[in-house]
Amino acid sequence: SGYRQPKVVVDIGFGNREYWAFTNEHGQLVRVVASKI
């Protein structure tokens, strides 16, 4: 699905990885952070 919720954070790392993605109030993906790739 191409839909994103506004102002949410989601773990987008496969398995046990922690890659955090953030959306703004318009549902746009604006930031992704990971302490370790």
PDB file of all heavy atoms in Angstrom:
ATOM      1  N   SER A   1       0.851  -1.194   0.000  1.00  0.00           N
ATOM      2  CA  SER A   1       0.000   0.000   0.000  1.00  0.00           C
ATOM      3  C   SER A   1       0.884   1.240   0.000  1.00  0.00           C
ATOM      4  O   SER A   1       1.883   1.316   0.722  1.00  0.00           O
ATOM      5  CB  SER A   1      -0.903   0.006   1.235  1.00  0.00           C
ATOM      6  OG  SER A   1      -1.519   1.272   1.397  1.00  0.00           O
ATOM      7  N   GLY A   2       0.512   2.217  -0.792  1.00  0.00           N
ATOM      8  CA  GLY A   2       1.307   3.438  -0.869  1.00  0.00           C
ATOM      9  C   GLY A   2       0.912   4.488   0.137  1.00  0.00           C
ATOM     10  O   GLY A   2       1.503   5.567   0.174  1.00  0.00           O
ATOM     11  N   TYR A   3      -0.069   4.187   0.985  1.00  0.00           N
ATOM     12  CA  TYR A   3      -0.567   5.175   1.951  1.00  0.00           C
ATOM     13  C   TYR A   3       0.343   5.259   3.168  1.00  0.00           C
ATOM     14  O   TYR A   3       0.819   4.234   3.670  1.00  0.00           O
ATOM     15  CB  TYR A   3      -1.984   4.819   2.386  1.00  0.00           C
ATOM     16  CG  TYR A   3      -2.506   5.691   3.505  1.00  0.00           C
ATOM     17  CD1 TYR A   3      -2.907   7.005   3.265  1.00  0.00           C
ATOM     18  CD2 TYR A   3      -2.577   5.208   4.808  1.00  0.00           C
ATOM     19  CE1 TYR A   3      -3.372   7.804   4.285  1.00  0.00           C
ATOM     20  CE2 TYR A   3      -3.037   6.005   5.837  1.00  0.00           C
ATOM     21  CZ  TYR A   3      -3.432   7.302   5.573  1.00  0.00           C
ATOM     22  OH  TYR A   3      -3.880   8.092   6.601  1.00  0.00           O
ATOM     23  N   ARG A   4       0.561   6.498   3.635  1.00  0.00           N
ATOM     24  CA  ARG A   4       1.309   6.716   4.876  1.00  0.00           C
ATOM     25  C   ARG A   4       0.458   7.536   5.840  1.00  0.00           C
ATOM     26  O   ARG A   4      -0.210   8.470   5.430  1.00  0.00           O
ATOM     27  CB  ARG A   4       2.609   7.479   4.634  1.00  0.00           C
ATOM     28  CG  ARG A   4       3.581   6.842   3.663  1.00  0.00           C
ATOM     29  CD  ARG A   4       4.936   7.548   3.773  1.00  0.00           C
ATOM     30  NE  ARG A   4       5.768   7.302   2.613  1.00  0.00           N
ATOM     31  CZ  ARG A   4       5.939   8.170   1.625  1.00  0.00           C
ATOM     32  NH1 ARG A   4       5.340   9.347   1.691  1.00  0.00           N
ATOM     33  NH2 ARG A   4       6.714   7.886   0.607  1.00  0.00           N
ATOM     34  N   GLN A   5       0.517   7.190   7.104  1.00  0.00           N
ATOM     35  CA  GLN A   5      -0.171   7.978   8.122  1.00  0.00           C
ATOM     36  C   GLN A   5       0.668   9.204   8.480  1.00  0.00           C
ATOM     37  O   GLN A   5       1.902   9.158   8.453  1.00  0.00           O
ATOM     38  CB  GLN A   5      -0.407   7.144   9.381  1.00  0.00           C
ATOM     39  CG  GLN A   5      -1.375   5.992   9.216  1.00  0.00           C
ATOM     40  CD  GLN A   5      -1.690   5.333  10.541  1.00  0.00           C
ATOM     41  OE1 GLN A   5      -1.865   6.001  11.561  1.00  0.00           O
ATOM     42  NE2 GLN A   5      -1.762   4.015  10.531  1.00  0.00           N
ATOM     43  N   PRO A   6       0.025  10.309   8.833  1.00  0.00           N
ATOM     44  CA  PRO A   6       0.779  11.506   9.230  1.00  0.00           C
ATOM     45  C   PRO A   6       1.309  11.402  10.652  1.00  0.00           C
ATOM     46  O   PRO A   6       0.705  10.760  11.508  1.00  0.00           O
ATOM     47  CB  PRO A   6      -0.257  12.627   9.109  1.00  0.00           C
ATOM     48  CG  PRO A   6      -1.564  11.939   9.325  1.00  0.00           C
ATOM     49  CD  PRO A   6      -1.421  10.555   8.746  1.00  0.00           C
ATOM     50  N   LYS A   7       2.457  12.013  10.895  1.00  0.00           N
ATOM     51  CA  LYS A   7       3.078  12.137  12.221  1.00  0.00           C
ATOM     52  C   LYS A   7       3.220  10.787  12.919  1.00  0.00           C
ATOM     53  O   LYS A   7       2.818  10.612  14.067  1.00  0.00           O
ATOM     54  CB  LYS A   7       2.285  13.105  13.087  1.00  0.00           C
ATOM     55  CG  LYS A   7       2.251  14.529  12.558  1.00  0.00           C
ATOM     56  CD  LYS A   7       3.615  15.182  12.555  1.00  0.00           C
ATOM     57  CE  LYS A   7       4.101  15.500  13.940  1.00  0.00           C
ATOM     58  NZ  LYS A   7       5.405  16.224  13.910  1.00  0.00           N
ATOM     59  N   VAL A   8       3.801   9.821  12.218  1.00  0.00           N
ATOM     60  CA  VAL A   8       4.043   8.508  12.804  1.00  0.00           C
ATOM     61  C   VAL A   8       5.516   8.153  12.646  1.00  0.00           C
ATOM     62  O   VAL A   8       6.243   8.753  11.847  1.00  0.00           O
ATOM     63  CB  VAL A   8       3.160   7.411  12.169  1.00  0.00           C
ATOM     64  CG1 VAL A   8       1.689   7.685  12.413  1.00  0.00           C
ATOM     65  CG2 VAL A   8       3.437   7.278  10.667  1.00  0.00           C
ATOM     66  N   VAL A   9       5.938   7.170  13.431  1.00  0.00           N
ATOM     67  CA  VAL A   9       7.282   6.609  13.311  1.00  0.00           C
ATOM     68  C   VAL A   9       7.136   5.112  13.142  1.00  0.00           C
ATOM     69  O   VAL A   9       6.337   4.470  13.826  1.00  0.00           O
ATOM     70  CB  VAL A   9       8.162   6.970  14.537  1.00  0.00           C
ATOM     71  CG1 VAL A   9       7.514   6.523  15.831  1.00  0.00           C
ATOM     72  CG2 VAL A   9       9.549   6.360  14.401  1.00  0.00           C
ATOM     73  N   VAL A  10       7.912   4.542  12.214  1.00  0.00           N
ATOM     74  CA  VAL A  10       7.795   3.130  11.850  1.00  0.00           C
ATOM     75  C   VAL A  10       9.191   2.531  11.763  1.00  0.00           C
ATOM     76  O   VAL A  10      10.119   3.161  11.226  1.00  0.00           O
ATOM     77  CB  VAL A  10       7.078   2.968  10.484  1.00  0.00           C
ATOM     78  CG1 VAL A  10       6.932   1.492  10.129  1.00  0.00           C
ATOM     79  CG2 VAL A  10       5.713   3.639  10.506  1.00  0.00           C
ATOM     80  N   ASP A  11       9.338   1.314  12.263  1.00  0.00           N
ATOM     81  CA  ASP A  11      10.596   0.585  12.121  1.00  0.00           C
ATOM     82  C   ASP A  11      10.618  -0.054  10.735  1.00  0.00           C
ATOM     83  O   ASP A  11       9.805  -0.930  10.425  1.00  0.00           O
ATOM     84  CB  ASP A  11      10.718  -0.485  13.208  1.00  0.00           C
ATOM     85  CG  ASP A  11      12.081  -1.184  13.179  1.00  0.00           C
ATOM     86  OD1 ASP A  11      12.916  -0.848  12.313  1.00  0.00           O
ATOM     87  OD2 ASP A  11      12.306  -2.077  14.025  1.00  0.00           O
ATOM     88  N   ILE A  12      11.563   0.370   9.885  1.00  0.00           N
ATOM     89  CA  ILE A  12      11.647  -0.154   8.521  1.00  0.00           C
ATOM     90  C   ILE A  12      12.866  -1.060   8.351  1.00  0.00           C
ATOM     91  O   ILE A  12      13.280  -1.340   7.224  1.00  0.00           O
ATOM     92  CB  ILE A  12      11.694   0.993   7.491  1.00  0.00           C
ATOM     93  CG1 ILE A  12      12.881   1.926   7.773  1.00  0.00           C
ATOM     94  CG2 ILE A  12      10.383   1.763   7.482  1.00  0.00           C
ATOM     95  CD1 ILE A  12      13.152   2.914   6.659  1.00  0.00           C
ATOM     96  N   GLY A  13      13.430  -1.533   9.452  1.00  0.00           N
ATOM     97  CA  GLY A  13      14.557  -2.460   9.382  1.00  0.00           C
ATOM     98  C   GLY A  13      14.065  -3.897   9.328  1.00  0.00           C
ATOM     99  O   GLY A  13      13.171  -4.290  10.077  1.00  0.00           O
ATOM    100  N   PHE A  14      14.650  -4.685   8.449  1.00  0.00           N
ATOM    101  CA  PHE A  14      14.241  -6.088   8.339  1.00  0.00           C
ATOM    102  C   PHE A  14      14.795  -6.878   9.528  1.00  0.00           C
ATOM    103  O   PHE A  14      15.925  -6.676   9.957  1.00  0.00           O
ATOM    104  CB  PHE A  14      14.757  -6.689   7.032  1.00  0.00           C
ATOM    105  CG  PHE A  14      14.246  -8.085   6.774  1.00  0.00           C
ATOM    106  CD1 PHE A  14      13.017  -8.290   6.171  1.00  0.00           C
ATOM    107  CD2 PHE A  14      14.987  -9.201   7.145  1.00  0.00           C
ATOM    108  CE1 PHE A  14      12.533  -9.568   5.940  1.00  0.00           C
ATOM    109  CE2 PHE A  14      14.518 -10.483   6.926  1.00  0.00           C
ATOM    110  CZ  PHE A  14      13.284 -10.663   6.324  1.00  0.00           C
ATOM    111  N   GLY A  15      13.960  -7.811  10.050  1.00  0.00           N
ATOM    112  CA  GLY A  15      14.385  -8.639  11.185  1.00  0.00           C
ATOM    113  C   GLY A  15      14.542  -7.810  12.443  1.00  0.00           C
ATOM    114  O   GLY A  15      13.657  -7.047  12.827  1.00  0.00           O
ATOM    115  N   ASN A  16      15.693  -7.963  13.101  1.00  0.00           N
ATOM    116  CA  ASN A  16      15.938  -7.270  14.368  1.00  0.00           C
ATOM    117  C   ASN A  16      16.545  -5.878  14.187  1.00  0.00           C
ATOM    118  O   ASN A  16      16.838  -5.206  15.178  1.00  0.00           O
ATOM    119  CB  ASN A  16      16.864  -8.111  15.251  1.00  0.00           C
ATOM    120  CG  ASN A  16      16.218  -9.413  15.688  1.00  0.00           C
ATOM    121  OD1 ASN A  16      15.013  -9.464  15.906  1.00  0.00           O
ATOM    122  ND2 ASN A  16      17.007 -10.469  15.793  1.00  0.00           N
ATOM    123  N   ARG A  17      16.740  -5.451  12.964  1.00  0.00           N
ATOM    124  CA  ARG A  17      17.309  -4.122  12.730  1.00  0.00           C
ATOM    125  C   ARG A  17      16.319  -3.040  13.179  1.00  0.00           C
ATOM    126  O   ARG A  17      15.119  -3.217  13.070  1.00  0.00           O
ATOM    127  CB  ARG A  17      17.629  -3.927  11.246  1.00  0.00           C
ATOM    128  CG  ARG A  17      18.665  -4.911  10.693  1.00  0.00           C
ATOM    129  CD  ARG A  17      18.758  -4.756   9.183  1.00  0.00           C
ATOM    130  NE  ARG A  17      19.729  -5.632   8.569  1.00  0.00           N
ATOM    131  CZ  ARG A  17      19.496  -6.891   8.210  1.00  0.00           C
ATOM    132  NH1 ARG A  17      18.293  -7.413   8.418  1.00  0.00           N
ATOM    133  NH2 ARG A  17      20.440  -7.623   7.655  1.00  0.00           N
ATOM    134  N   GLU A  18      16.852  -1.921  13.626  1.00  0.00           N
ATOM    135  CA  GLU A  18      16.030  -0.781  14.011  1.00  0.00           C
ATOM    136  C   GLU A  18      16.395   0.401  13.124  1.00  0.00           C
ATOM    137  O   GLU A  18      17.366   1.110  13.361  1.00  0.00           O
ATOM    138  CB  GLU A  18      16.216  -0.425  15.486  1.00  0.00           C
ATOM    139  CG  GLU A  18      15.568  -1.415  16.437  1.00  0.00           C
ATOM    140  CD  GLU A  18      15.532  -0.906  17.869  1.00  0.00           C
ATOM    141  OE1 GLU A  18      16.142   0.162  18.144  1.00  0.00           O
ATOM    142  OE2 GLU A  18      14.907  -1.544  18.716  1.00  0.00           O
ATOM    143  N   TYR A  19      15.606   0.585  12.077  1.00  0.00           N
ATOM    144  CA  TYR A  19      15.722   1.735  11.186  1.00  0.00           C
ATOM    145  C   TYR A  19      14.405   2.510  11.318  1.00  0.00           C
ATOM    146  O   TYR A  19      13.355   1.982  10.977  1.00  0.00           O
ATOM    147  CB  TYR A  19      15.908   1.309   9.731  1.00  0.00           C
ATOM    148  CG  TYR A  19      17.108   0.425   9.438  1.00  0.00           C
ATOM    149  CD1 TYR A  19      17.183  -0.287   8.238  1.00  0.00           C
ATOM    150  CD2 TYR A  19      18.175   0.306  10.321  1.00  0.00           C
ATOM    151  CE1 TYR A  19      18.268  -1.084   7.935  1.00  0.00           C
ATOM    152  CE2 TYR A  19      19.270  -0.495  10.033  1.00  0.00           C
ATOM    153  CZ  TYR A  19      19.309  -1.193   8.832  1.00  0.00           C
ATOM    154  OH  TYR A  19      20.384  -1.992   8.540  1.00  0.00           O
ATOM    155  N   TRP A  20      14.452   3.741  11.791  1.00  0.00           N
ATOM    156  CA  TRP A  20      13.227   4.472  12.120  1.00  0.00           C
ATOM    157  C   TRP A  20      12.901   5.511  11.052  1.00  0.00           C
ATOM    158  O   TRP A  20      13.741   6.345  10.693  1.00  0.00           O
ATOM    159  CB  TRP A  20      13.365   5.141  13.485  1.00  0.00           C
ATOM    160  CG  TRP A  20      13.608   4.160  14.577  1.00  0.00           C
ATOM    161  CD1 TRP A  20      14.776   3.895  15.225  1.00  0.00           C
ATOM    162  CD2 TRP A  20      12.640   3.261  15.131  1.00  0.00           C
ATOM    163  NE1 TRP A  20      14.604   2.916  16.158  1.00  0.00           N
ATOM    164  CE2 TRP A  20      13.301   2.495  16.125  1.00  0.00           C
ATOM    165  CE3 TRP A  20      11.283   3.032  14.901  1.00  0.00           C
ATOM    166  CZ2 TRP A  20      12.652   1.523  16.876  1.00  0.00           C
ATOM    167  CZ3 TRP A  20      10.637   2.061  15.652  1.00  0.00           C
ATOM    168  CH2 TRP A  20      11.318   1.327  16.633  1.00  0.00           C
ATOM    169  N   ALA A  21      11.661   5.447  10.557  1.00  0.00           N
ATOM    170  CA  ALA A  21      11.175   6.372   9.532  1.00  0.00           C
ATOM    171  C   ALA A  21      10.100   7.271  10.121  1.00  0.00           C
ATOM    172  O   ALA A  21       9.227   6.814  10.867  1.00  0.00           O
ATOM    173  CB  ALA A  21      10.619   5.594   8.342  1.00  0.00           C
ATOM    174  N   PHE A  22      10.146   8.563   9.768  1.00  0.00           N
ATOM    175  CA  PHE A  22       9.225   9.557  10.311  1.00  0.00           C
ATOM    176  C   PHE A  22       8.456  10.241   9.176  1.00  0.00           C
ATOM    177  O   PHE A  22       9.031  10.556   8.132  1.00  0.00           O
ATOM    178  CB  PHE A  22       9.983  10.633  11.096  1.00  0.00           C
ATOM    179  CG  PHE A  22      10.773  10.098  12.258  1.00  0.00           C
ATOM    180  CD1 PHE A  22      12.025   9.531  12.070  1.00  0.00           C
ATOM    181  CD2 PHE A  22      10.271  10.174  13.548  1.00  0.00           C
ATOM    182  CE1 PHE A  22      12.760   9.041  13.144  1.00  0.00           C
ATOM    183  CE2 PHE A  22      11.001   9.694  14.622  1.00  0.00           C
ATOM    184  CZ  PHE A  22      12.245   9.122  14.418  1.00  0.00           C
ATOM    185  N   THR A  23       7.172  10.490   9.407  1.00  0.00           N
ATOM    186  CA  THR A  23       6.371  11.251   8.453  1.00  0.00           C
ATOM    187  C   THR A  23       5.969  12.580   9.071  1.00  0.00           C
ATOM    188  O   THR A  23       5.913  12.718  10.297  1.00  0.00           O
ATOM    189  CB  THR A  23       5.103  10.487   8.038  1.00  0.00           C
ATOM    190  OG1 THR A  23       4.270  10.279   9.200  1.00  0.00           O
ATOM    191  CG2 THR A  23       5.445   9.136   7.411  1.00  0.00           C
ATOM    192  N   ASN A  24       5.676  13.555   8.207  1.00  0.00           N
ATOM    193  CA  ASN A  24       5.198  14.843   8.699  1.00  0.00           C
ATOM    194  C   ASN A  24       3.674  14.858   8.730  1.00  0.00           C
ATOM    195  O   ASN A  24       3.024  13.825   8.516  1.00  0.00           O
ATOM    196  CB  ASN A  24       5.758  15.989   7.849  1.00  0.00           C
ATOM    197  CG  ASN A  24       5.297  15.923   6.396  1.00  0.00           C
ATOM    198  OD1 ASN A  24       4.401  15.145   6.040  1.00  0.00           O
ATOM    199  ND2 ASN A  24       5.906  16.713   5.546  1.00  0.00           N
ATOM    200  N   GLU A  25       3.093  16.025   8.985  1.00  0.00           N
ATOM    201  CA  GLU A  25       1.646  16.120   9.120  1.00  0.00           C
ATOM    202  C   GLU A  25       0.919  15.891   7.799  1.00  0.00           C
ATOM    203  O   GLU A  25      -0.305  15.725   7.782  1.00  0.00           O
ATOM    204  CB  GLU A  25       1.253  17.480   9.703  1.00  0.00           C
ATOM    205  CG  GLU A  25       1.634  18.662   8.852  1.00  0.00           C
ATOM    206  CD  GLU A  25       3.041  19.169   9.143  1.00  0.00           C
ATOM    207  OE1 GLU A  25       3.871  18.390   9.656  1.00  0.00           O
ATOM    208  OE2 GLU A  25       3.305  20.365   8.860  1.00  0.00           O
ATOM    209  N   HIS A  26       1.659  15.857   6.683  1.00  0.00           N
ATOM    210  CA  HIS A  26       1.059  15.612   5.371  1.00  0.00           C
ATOM    211  C   HIS A  26       1.259  14.169   4.890  1.00  0.00           C
ATOM    212  O   HIS A  26       0.912  13.853   3.757  1.00  0.00           O
ATOM    213  CB  HIS A  26       1.646  16.580   4.346  1.00  0.00           C
ATOM    214  CG  HIS A  26       1.581  18.017   4.752  1.00  0.00           C
ATOM    215  ND1 HIS A  26       0.392  18.721   4.830  1.00  0.00           N
ATOM    216  CD2 HIS A  26       2.562  18.881   5.149  1.00  0.00           C
ATOM    217  CE1 HIS A  26       0.636  19.949   5.240  1.00  0.00           C
ATOM    218  NE2 HIS A  26       1.939  20.075   5.438  1.00  0.00           N
ATOM    219  N   GLY A  27       1.807  13.339   5.756  1.00  0.00           N
ATOM    220  CA  GLY A  27       2.046  11.948   5.384  1.00  0.00           C
ATOM    221  C   GLY A  27       3.255  11.765   4.487  1.00  0.00           C
ATOM    222  O   GLY A  27       3.454  10.683   3.919  1.00  0.00           O
ATOM    223  N   GLN A  28       4.082  12.792   4.359  1.00  0.00           N
ATOM    224  CA  GLN A  28       5.299  12.676   3.548  1.00  0.00           C
ATOM    225  C   GLN A  28       6.434  12.085   4.386  1.00  0.00           C
ATOM    226  O   GLN A  28       6.610  12.428   5.554  1.00  0.00           O
ATOM    227  CB  GLN A  28       5.708  14.056   3.020  1.00  0.00           C
ATOM    228  CG  GLN A  28       4.715  14.663   2.054  1.00  0.00           C
ATOM    229  CD  GLN A  28       5.030  16.116   1.739  1.00  0.00           C
ATOM    230  OE1 GLN A  28       5.452  16.885   2.613  1.00  0.00           O
ATOM    231  NE2 GLN A  28       4.826  16.515   0.490  1.00  0.00           N
ATOM    232  N   LEU A  29       7.185  11.182   3.780  1.00  0.00           N
ATOM    233  CA  LEU A  29       8.344  10.597   4.445  1.00  0.00           C
ATOM    234  C   LEU A  29       9.460  11.638   4.450  1.00  0.00           C
ATOM    235  O   LEU A  29       9.956  12.023   3.387  1.00  0.00           O
ATOM    236  CB  LEU A  29       8.794   9.339   3.702  1.00  0.00           C
ATOM    237  CG  LEU A  29      10.056   8.643   4.220  1.00  0.00           C
ATOM    238  CD1 LEU A  29       9.866   8.158   5.647  1.00  0.00           C
ATOM    239  CD2 LEU A  29      10.431   7.484   3.305  1.00  0.00           C
ATOM    240  N   VAL A  30       9.847  12.117   5.628  1.00  0.00           N
ATOM    241  CA  VAL A  30      10.781  13.245   5.702  1.00  0.00           C
ATOM    242  C   VAL A  30      12.107  12.912   6.385  1.00  0.00           C
ATOM    243  O   VAL A  30      13.081  13.655   6.218  1.00  0.00           O
ATOM    244  CB  VAL A  30      10.131  14.442   6.428  1.00  0.00           C
ATOM    245  CG1 VAL A  30       8.997  15.008   5.597  1.00  0.00           C
ATOM    246  CG2 VAL A  30       9.636  14.048   7.814  1.00  0.00           C
ATOM    247  N   ARG A  31      12.149  11.791   7.130  1.00  0.00           N
ATOM    248  CA  ARG A  31      13.397  11.501   7.857  1.00  0.00           C
ATOM    249  C   ARG A  31      13.503  10.006   8.134  1.00  0.00           C
ATOM    250  O   ARG A  31      12.513   9.355   8.463  1.00  0.00           O
ATOM    251  CB  ARG A  31      13.438  12.273   9.175  1.00  0.00           C
ATOM    252  CG  ARG A  31      14.721  12.115   9.979  1.00  0.00           C
ATOM    253  CD  ARG A  31      14.741  13.117  11.134  1.00  0.00           C
ATOM    254  NE  ARG A  31      15.936  12.991  11.947  1.00  0.00           N
ATOM    255  CZ  ARG A  31      15.971  12.535  13.205  1.00  0.00           C
ATOM    256  NH1 ARG A  31      14.818  12.189  13.791  1.00  0.00           N
ATOM    257  NH2 ARG A  31      17.083  12.443  13.878  1.00  0.00           N
ATOM    258  N   VAL A  32      14.722   9.490   8.010  1.00  0.00           N
ATOM    259  CA  VAL A  32      15.017   8.099   8.346  1.00  0.00           C
ATOM    260  C   VAL A  32      16.340   8.080   9.107  1.00  0.00           C
ATOM    261  O   VAL A  32      17.316   8.709   8.675  1.00  0.00           O
ATOM    262  CB  VAL A  32      15.117   7.207   7.090  1.00  0.00           C
ATOM    263  CG1 VAL A  32      15.590   5.806   7.461  1.00  0.00           C
ATOM    264  CG2 VAL A  32      13.778   7.141   6.369  1.00  0.00           C
ATOM    265  N   VAL A  33      16.371   7.381  10.249  1.00  0.00           N
ATOM    266  CA  VAL A  33      17.601   7.305  11.042  1.00  0.00           C
ATOM    267  C   VAL A  33      17.885   5.849  11.420  1.00  0.00           C
ATOM    268  O   VAL A  33      16.973   5.037  11.570  1.00  0.00           O
ATOM    269  CB  VAL A  33      17.508   8.158  12.323  1.00  0.00           C
ATOM    270  CG1 VAL A  33      17.393   9.627  11.975  1.00  0.00           C
ATOM    271  CG2 VAL A  33      16.349   7.720  13.190  1.00  0.00           C
ATOM    272  N   ALA A  34      19.170   5.560  11.564  1.00  0.00           N
ATOM    273  CA  ALA A  34      19.604   4.230  12.012  1.00  0.00           C
ATOM    274  C   ALA A  34      20.952   4.388  12.694  1.00  0.00           C
ATOM    275  O   ALA A  34      21.866   4.986  12.123  1.00  0.00           O
ATOM    276  CB  ALA A  34      19.711   3.263  10.836  1.00  0.00           C
ATOM    277  N   SER A  35      21.060   3.898  13.921  1.00  0.00           N
ATOM    278  CA  SER A  35      22.341   4.000  14.624  1.00  0.00           C
ATOM    279  C   SER A  35      23.393   3.110  13.974  1.00  0.00           C
ATOM    280  O   SER A  35      24.583   3.418  13.999  1.00  0.00           O
ATOM    281  CB  SER A  35      22.170   3.613  16.098  1.00  0.00           C
ATOM    282  OG  SER A  35      21.690   2.284  16.208  1.00  0.00           O
ATOM    283  N   LYS A  36      22.932   2.019  13.327  1.00  0.00           N
ATOM    284  CA  LYS A  36      23.870   1.108  12.662  1.00  0.00           C
ATOM    285  C   LYS A  36      23.192   0.454  11.473  1.00  0.00           C
ATOM    286  O   LYS A  36      22.099  -0.099  11.596  1.00  0.00           O
ATOM    287  CB  LYS A  36      24.369   0.044  13.638  1.00  0.00           C
ATOM    288  CG  LYS A  36      25.429  -0.887  13.055  1.00  0.00           C
ATOM    289  CD  LYS A  36      25.920  -1.879  14.100  1.00  0.00           C
ATOM    290  CE  LYS A  36      27.009  -2.788  13.537  1.00  0.00           C
ATOM    291  NZ  LYS A  36      27.471  -3.784  14.549  1.00  0.00           N
ATOM    292  N   ILE A  37      23.836   0.517  10.315  1.00  0.00           N
ATOM    293  CA  ILE A  37      23.359  -0.161   9.115  1.00  0.00           C
ATOM    294  C   ILE A  37      23.988  -1.549   9.064  1.00  0.00           C
ATOM    295  O   ILE A  37      25.213  -1.686   9.033  1.00  0.00           O
ATOM    296  CB  ILE A  37      23.719   0.621   7.840  1.00  0.00           C
ATOM    297  CG1 ILE A  37      23.019   1.978   7.833  1.00  0.00           C
ATOM    298  CG2 ILE A  37      23.359  -0.177   6.592  1.00  0.00           C
ATOM    299  CD1 ILE A  37      21.519   1.913   7.708  1.00  0.00           C
TER     300      ILE A  37
END
